[in-house]
Amino acid sequence: LQDFLGLAGTWAEQHLPAHAAAVTAA
């Protein structure tokens, strides 16, 4: 799960840069 969270954060930074922090926090 921790690895998934890291990968999802990287994906969000690439595809949703304006929302990456919020997506990762959620």
PDB file of all heavy atoms in Angstrom:
ATOM      1  N   LEU A   1       0.821  -1.209   0.000  1.00  0.00           N
ATOM      2  CA  LEU A   1       0.000   0.000   0.000  1.00  0.00           C
ATOM      3  C   LEU A   1       0.858   1.263   0.000  1.00  0.00           C
ATOM      4  O   LEU A   1       0.547   2.236  -0.692  1.00  0.00           O
ATOM      5  CB  LEU A   1      -0.950   0.001   1.207  1.00  0.00           C
ATOM      6  CG  LEU A   1      -2.092  -1.008   1.138  1.00  0.00           C
ATOM      7  CD1 LEU A   1      -2.819  -1.081   2.478  1.00  0.00           C
ATOM      8  CD2 LEU A   1      -3.058  -0.648   0.021  1.00  0.00           C
ATOM      9  N   GLN A   2       1.948   1.249   0.768  1.00  0.00           N
ATOM     10  CA  GLN A   2       2.856   2.398   0.793  1.00  0.00           C
ATOM     11  C   GLN A   2       3.477   2.610  -0.589  1.00  0.00           C
ATOM     12  O   GLN A   2       3.569   3.745  -1.067  1.00  0.00           O
ATOM     13  CB  GLN A   2       3.946   2.190   1.839  1.00  0.00           C
ATOM     14  CG  GLN A   2       4.713   3.436   2.195  1.00  0.00           C
ATOM     15  CD  GLN A   2       3.877   4.440   2.978  1.00  0.00           C
ATOM     16  OE1 GLN A   2       3.265   4.110   3.980  1.00  0.00           O
ATOM     17  NE2 GLN A   2       3.844   5.669   2.510  1.00  0.00           N
ATOM     18  N   ASP A   3       3.867   1.511  -1.245  1.00  0.00           N
ATOM     19  CA  ASP A   3       4.418   1.599  -2.597  1.00  0.00           C
ATOM     20  C   ASP A   3       3.379   2.152  -3.573  1.00  0.00           C
ATOM     21  O   ASP A   3       3.693   2.988  -4.431  1.00  0.00           O
ATOM     22  CB  ASP A   3       4.918   0.242  -3.083  1.00  0.00           C
ATOM     23  CG  ASP A   3       6.119  -0.268  -2.297  1.00  0.00           C
ATOM     24  OD1 ASP A   3       6.763   0.522  -1.565  1.00  0.00           O
ATOM     25  OD2 ASP A   3       6.409  -1.479  -2.413  1.00  0.00           O
ATOM     26  N   PHE A   4       2.145   1.687  -3.456  1.00  0.00           N
ATOM     27  CA  PHE A   4       1.060   2.186  -4.304  1.00  0.00           C
ATOM     28  C   PHE A   4       0.882   3.685  -4.107  1.00  0.00           C
ATOM     29  O   PHE A   4       0.734   4.433  -5.078  1.00  0.00           O
ATOM     30  CB  PHE A   4      -0.246   1.451  -4.012  1.00  0.00           C
ATOM     31  CG  PHE A   4      -1.442   2.116  -4.629  1.00  0.00           C
ATOM     32  CD1 PHE A   4      -1.694   1.981  -5.983  1.00  0.00           C
ATOM     33  CD2 PHE A   4      -2.294   2.891  -3.857  1.00  0.00           C
ATOM     34  CE1 PHE A   4      -2.786   2.616  -6.563  1.00  0.00           C
ATOM     35  CE2 PHE A   4      -3.384   3.523  -4.432  1.00  0.00           C
ATOM     36  CZ  PHE A   4      -3.635   3.390  -5.787  1.00  0.00           C
ATOM     37  N   LEU A   5       0.903   4.132  -2.861  1.00  0.00           N
ATOM     38  CA  LEU A   5       0.743   5.556  -2.577  1.00  0.00           C
ATOM     39  C   LEU A   5       1.854   6.365  -3.248  1.00  0.00           C
ATOM     40  O   LEU A   5       1.592   7.421  -3.827  1.00  0.00           O
ATOM     41  CB  LEU A   5       0.734   5.803  -1.067  1.00  0.00           C
ATOM     42  CG  LEU A   5       0.535   7.246  -0.619  1.00  0.00           C
ATOM     43  CD1 LEU A   5      -0.798   7.799  -1.117  1.00  0.00           C
ATOM     44  CD2 LEU A   5       0.613   7.327   0.904  1.00  0.00           C
ATOM     45  N   GLY A   6       3.077   5.866  -3.199  1.00  0.00           N
ATOM     46  CA  GLY A   6       4.179   6.554  -3.865  1.00  0.00           C
ATOM     47  C   GLY A   6       3.986   6.628  -5.368  1.00  0.00           C
ATOM     48  O   GLY A   6       4.196   7.681  -5.983  1.00  0.00           O
ATOM     49  N   LEU A   7       3.576   5.526  -5.974  1.00  0.00           N
ATOM     50  CA  LEU A   7       3.337   5.507  -7.422  1.00  0.00           C
ATOM     51  C   LEU A   7       2.174   6.418  -7.808  1.00  0.00           C
ATOM     52  O   LEU A   7       2.233   7.133  -8.819  1.00  0.00           O
ATOM     53  CB  LEU A   7       3.062   4.078  -7.895  1.00  0.00           C
ATOM     54  CG  LEU A   7       4.247   3.123  -7.842  1.00  0.00           C
ATOM     55  CD1 LEU A   7       3.787   1.695  -8.099  1.00  0.00           C
ATOM     56  CD2 LEU A   7       5.310   3.540  -8.844  1.00  0.00           C
ATOM     57  N   ALA A   8       1.115   6.401  -6.991  1.00  0.00           N
ATOM     58  CA  ALA A   8      -0.032   7.266  -7.273  1.00  0.00           C
ATOM     59  C   ALA A   8       0.362   8.733  -7.159  1.00  0.00           C
ATOM     60  O   ALA A   8      -0.095   9.569  -7.950  1.00  0.00           O
ATOM     61  CB  ALA A   8      -1.181   6.940  -6.322  1.00  0.00           C
ATOM     62  N   GLY A   9       1.215   9.054  -6.199  1.00  0.00           N
ATOM     63  CA  GLY A   9       1.694  10.428  -6.050  1.00  0.00           C
ATOM     64  C   GLY A   9       2.497  10.869  -7.255  1.00  0.00           C
ATOM     65  O   GLY A   9       2.336  11.995  -7.754  1.00  0.00           O
ATOM     66  N   THR A  10       3.360   9.984  -7.744  1.00  0.00           N
ATOM     67  CA  THR A  10       4.143  10.292  -8.943  1.00  0.00           C
ATOM     68  C   THR A  10       3.232  10.496 -10.143  1.00  0.00           C
ATOM     69  O   THR A  10       3.399  11.449 -10.925  1.00  0.00           O
ATOM     70  CB  THR A  10       5.158   9.167  -9.225  1.00  0.00           C
ATOM     71  OG1 THR A  10       6.037   9.065  -8.105  1.00  0.00           O
ATOM     72  CG2 THR A  10       5.958   9.435 -10.484  1.00  0.00           C
ATOM     73  N   TRP A  11       2.239   9.617 -10.301  1.00  0.00           N
ATOM     74  CA  TRP A  11       1.278   9.742 -11.402  1.00  0.00           C
ATOM     75  C   TRP A  11       0.529  11.069 -11.300  1.00  0.00           C
ATOM     76  O   TRP A  11       0.374  11.780 -12.300  1.00  0.00           O
ATOM     77  CB  TRP A  11       0.289   8.568 -11.375  1.00  0.00           C
ATOM     78  CG  TRP A  11      -0.724   8.644 -12.473  1.00  0.00           C
ATOM     79  CD1 TRP A  11      -0.621   8.104 -13.711  1.00  0.00           C
ATOM     80  CD2 TRP A  11      -1.985   9.308 -12.418  1.00  0.00           C
ATOM     81  NE1 TRP A  11      -1.742   8.396 -14.444  1.00  0.00           N
ATOM     82  CE2 TRP A  11      -2.600   9.127 -13.673  1.00  0.00           C
ATOM     83  CE3 TRP A  11      -2.658  10.025 -11.438  1.00  0.00           C
ATOM     84  CZ2 TRP A  11      -3.855   9.661 -13.966  1.00  0.00           C
ATOM     85  CZ3 TRP A  11      -3.906  10.564 -11.741  1.00  0.00           C
ATOM     86  CH2 TRP A  11      -4.485  10.365 -12.996  1.00  0.00           C
ATOM     87  N   ALA A  12       0.076  11.409 -10.094  1.00  0.00           N
ATOM     88  CA  ALA A  12      -0.677  12.654  -9.906  1.00  0.00           C
ATOM     89  C   ALA A  12       0.184  13.866 -10.246  1.00  0.00           C
ATOM     90  O   ALA A  12      -0.305  14.830 -10.851  1.00  0.00           O
ATOM     91  CB  ALA A  12      -1.197  12.738  -8.479  1.00  0.00           C
ATOM     92  N   GLU A  13       1.451  13.837  -9.877  1.00  0.00           N
ATOM     93  CA  GLU A  13       2.344  14.958 -10.207  1.00  0.00           C
ATOM     94  C   GLU A  13       2.497  15.129 -11.717  1.00  0.00           C
ATOM     95  O   GLU A  13       2.580  16.249 -12.209  1.00  0.00           O
ATOM     96  CB  GLU A  13       3.712  14.735  -9.569  1.00  0.00           C
ATOM     97  CG  GLU A  13       3.722  14.916  -8.064  1.00  0.00           C
ATOM     98  CD  GLU A  13       5.031  14.481  -7.434  1.00  0.00           C
ATOM     99  OE1 GLU A  13       5.973  14.098  -8.166  1.00  0.00           O
ATOM    100  OE2 GLU A  13       5.101  14.520  -6.187  1.00  0.00           O
ATOM    101  N   GLN A  14       2.498  14.017 -12.431  1.00  0.00           N
ATOM    102  CA  GLN A  14       2.669  14.069 -13.889  1.00  0.00           C
ATOM    103  C   GLN A  14       1.382  14.458 -14.621  1.00  0.00           C
ATOM    104  O   GLN A  14       1.420  15.147 -15.635  1.00  0.00           O
ATOM    105  CB  GLN A  14       3.164  12.723 -14.411  1.00  0.00           C
ATOM    106  CG  GLN A  14       4.560  12.379 -13.960  1.00  0.00           C
ATOM    107  CD  GLN A  14       4.944  10.936 -14.301  1.00  0.00           C
ATOM    108  OE1 GLN A  14       4.147  10.165 -14.805  1.00  0.00           O
ATOM    109  NE2 GLN A  14       6.189  10.596 -13.998  1.00  0.00           N
ATOM    110  N   HIS A  15       0.241  13.979 -14.123  1.00  0.00           N
ATOM    111  CA  HIS A  15      -1.013  14.142 -14.852  1.00  0.00           C
ATOM    112  C   HIS A  15      -1.963  15.173 -14.257  1.00  0.00           C
ATOM    113  O   HIS A  15      -2.855  15.655 -14.969  1.00  0.00           O
ATOM    114  CB  HIS A  15      -1.731  12.789 -14.967  1.00  0.00           C
ATOM    115  CG  HIS A  15      -0.929  11.776 -15.717  1.00  0.00           C
ATOM    116  ND1 HIS A  15      -0.890  11.731 -17.085  1.00  0.00           N
ATOM    117  CD2 HIS A  15      -0.105  10.792 -15.281  1.00  0.00           C
ATOM    118  CE1 HIS A  15      -0.093  10.747 -17.482  1.00  0.00           C
ATOM    119  NE2 HIS A  15       0.395  10.162 -16.396  1.00  0.00           N
ATOM    120  N   LEU A  16      -1.809  15.477 -12.993  1.00  0.00           N
ATOM    121  CA  LEU A  16      -2.680  16.436 -12.308  1.00  0.00           C
ATOM    122  C   LEU A  16      -1.851  17.374 -11.437  1.00  0.00           C
ATOM    123  O   LEU A  16      -2.081  17.481 -10.235  1.00  0.00           O
ATOM    124  CB  LEU A  16      -3.686  15.694 -11.411  1.00  0.00           C
ATOM    125  CG  LEU A  16      -4.544  14.605 -12.029  1.00  0.00           C
ATOM    126  CD1 LEU A  16      -5.220  13.778 -10.960  1.00  0.00           C
ATOM    127  CD2 LEU A  16      -5.580  15.238 -12.940  1.00  0.00           C
ATOM    128  N   PRO A  17      -0.877  18.036 -12.003  1.00  0.00           N
ATOM    129  CA  PRO A  17       0.062  18.795 -11.173  1.00  0.00           C
ATOM    130  C   PRO A  17      -0.600  19.804 -10.234  1.00  0.00           C
ATOM    131  O   PRO A  17      -0.135  19.991  -9.113  1.00  0.00           O
ATOM    132  CB  PRO A  17       0.979  19.476 -12.181  1.00  0.00           C
ATOM    133  CG  PRO A  17       0.299  19.384 -13.491  1.00  0.00           C
ATOM    134  CD  PRO A  17      -0.614  18.205 -13.425  1.00  0.00           C
ATOM    135  N   ALA A  18      -1.689  20.403 -10.652  1.00  0.00           N
ATOM    136  CA  ALA A  18      -2.357  21.378  -9.790  1.00  0.00           C
ATOM    137  C   ALA A  18      -3.085  20.727  -8.612  1.00  0.00           C
ATOM    138  O   ALA A  18      -3.393  21.395  -7.631  1.00  0.00           O
ATOM    139  CB  ALA A  18      -3.341  22.213 -10.614  1.00  0.00           C
ATOM    140  N   HIS A  19      -3.332  19.438  -8.724  1.00  0.00           N
ATOM    141  CA  HIS A  19      -4.105  18.741  -7.687  1.00  0.00           C
ATOM    142  C   HIS A  19      -3.335  17.594  -7.037  1.00  0.00           C
ATOM    143  O   HIS A  19      -3.886  16.861  -6.218  1.00  0.00           O
ATOM    144  CB  HIS A  19      -5.405  18.187  -8.288  1.00  0.00           C
ATOM    145  CG  HIS A  19      -6.229  19.232  -8.955  1.00  0.00           C
ATOM    146  ND1 HIS A  19      -6.968  20.152  -8.260  1.00  0.00           N
ATOM    147  CD2 HIS A  19      -6.405  19.517 -10.269  1.00  0.00           C
ATOM    148  CE1 HIS A  19      -7.580  20.967  -9.104  1.00  0.00           C
ATOM    149  NE2 HIS A  19      -7.249  20.596 -10.337  1.00  0.00           N
ATOM    150  N   ALA A  20      -2.092  17.423  -7.403  1.00  0.00           N
ATOM    151  CA  ALA A  20      -1.321  16.262  -6.938  1.00  0.00           C
ATOM    152  C   ALA A  20      -1.255  16.177  -5.417  1.00  0.00           C
ATOM    153  O   ALA A  20      -1.440  15.099  -4.849  1.00  0.00           O
ATOM    154  CB  ALA A  20       0.083  16.302  -7.531  1.00  0.00           C
ATOM    155  N   ALA A  21      -0.995  17.274  -4.756  1.00  0.00           N
ATOM    156  CA  ALA A  21      -0.886  17.247  -3.292  1.00  0.00           C
ATOM    157  C   ALA A  21      -2.204  16.832  -2.656  1.00  0.00           C
ATOM    158  O   ALA A  21      -2.224  16.018  -1.726  1.00  0.00           O
ATOM    159  CB  ALA A  21      -0.433  18.608  -2.768  1.00  0.00           C
ATOM    160  N   ALA A  22      -3.317  17.361  -3.166  1.00  0.00           N
ATOM    161  CA  ALA A  22      -4.630  17.022  -2.603  1.00  0.00           C
ATOM    162  C   ALA A  22      -4.984  15.558  -2.858  1.00  0.00           C
ATOM    163  O   ALA A  22      -5.511  14.875  -1.975  1.00  0.00           O
ATOM    164  CB  ALA A  22      -5.701  17.937  -3.185  1.00  0.00           C
ATOM    165  N   VAL A  23      -4.689  15.089  -4.078  1.00  0.00           N
ATOM    166  CA  VAL A  23      -4.976  13.685  -4.412  1.00  0.00           C
ATOM    167  C   VAL A  23      -4.147  12.754  -3.530  1.00  0.00           C
ATOM    168  O   VAL A  23      -4.665  11.788  -2.955  1.00  0.00           O
ATOM    169  CB  VAL A  23      -4.708  13.411  -5.906  1.00  0.00           C
ATOM    170  CG1 VAL A  23      -4.709  11.918  -6.212  1.00  0.00           C
ATOM    171  CG2 VAL A  23      -5.730  14.134  -6.774  1.00  0.00           C
ATOM    172  N   THR A  24      -2.869  13.038  -3.402  1.00  0.00           N
ATOM    173  CA  THR A  24      -1.986  12.202  -2.589  1.00  0.00           C
ATOM    174  C   THR A  24      -2.405  12.232  -1.122  1.00  0.00           C
ATOM    175  O   THR A  24      -2.425  11.188  -0.461  1.00  0.00           O
ATOM    176  CB  THR A  24      -0.521  12.654  -2.747  1.00  0.00           C
ATOM    177  OG1 THR A  24      -0.183  12.594  -4.134  1.00  0.00           O
ATOM    178  CG2 THR A  24       0.422  11.755  -1.976  1.00  0.00           C
ATOM    179  N   ALA A  25      -2.773  13.401  -0.616  1.00  0.00           N
ATOM    180  CA  ALA A  25      -3.219  13.506   0.776  1.00  0.00           C
ATOM    181  C   ALA A  25      -4.505  12.718   0.996  1.00  0.00           C
ATOM    182  O   ALA A  25      -4.666  12.045   2.021  1.00  0.00           O
ATOM    183  CB  ALA A  25      -3.405  14.972   1.158  1.00  0.00           C
ATOM    184  N   ALA A  26      -5.432  12.793   0.046  1.00  0.00           N
ATOM    185  CA  ALA A  26      -6.690  12.058   0.169  1.00  0.00           C
ATOM    186  C   ALA A  26      -6.447  10.550   0.166  1.00  0.00           C
ATOM    187  O   ALA A  26      -7.032   9.814   0.969  1.00  0.00           O
ATOM    188  CB  ALA A  26      -7.650  12.458  -0.952  1.00  0.00           C
TER     189      ALA A  26
END
